[in-house]
Amino acid sequence: MPSASASITRPNDTTAYAALDVVGPASGTSALAFNVGPADGGDVLIRGVSLRIDANALIASEAGYRLHFYNVTPPSALADNAPWDLPSGDRDAYLGFLDTGTIVDVGSTLWVESNGLAKPVKLLSGTLYAYLATVAGHTPTAQRVYTATVHTETRF
């Protein structure tokens, strides 16, 4: 089962996130890119997702995260702390979303995973794109690192 990971290091600030805000890097688009499928695209099943946060404690009201999937780099090019939206320019590329679940403090790291999934998506290339968005508002720590992993299965 192919899997791919992508990481984001958020900006060096503590600007509060509202519910459904995008988590992203200090500059550029916040879209994550996962190389999980055949080069020419096709039907893929998302079988699992995980999120590792390089932090040693949950933040008050940090309720979880949502991955919004796309078959191309989202045209909206949302930056960190932008409210996630599905504007008309993104609609044709949008593949839906998966919630990561409840984050668990496992000592020096925060972790959450969802397995046993069977979300079908149709890729246009070997890359699956995603925005990571908050589920609830919270005030993040500066330069926090988020690593998302997607496990897929190519459908025949």
Foldseek 3Di string as FASTA:
>chain_A
DFKFKWKFFDAQDFPKAAAQFFGHHPDWFRKTKGQAAAFQWFKKWFFKKKKKKQAQDDFVPQFFKKKWKFQDAAPVRDHGRHRDDCDPSRVVGTQGMDTQGGWDRPGRMIMTMDGRGTRMDTHRGSMMMITITTRHMGGDHHRMMMMMMIHMDHDD
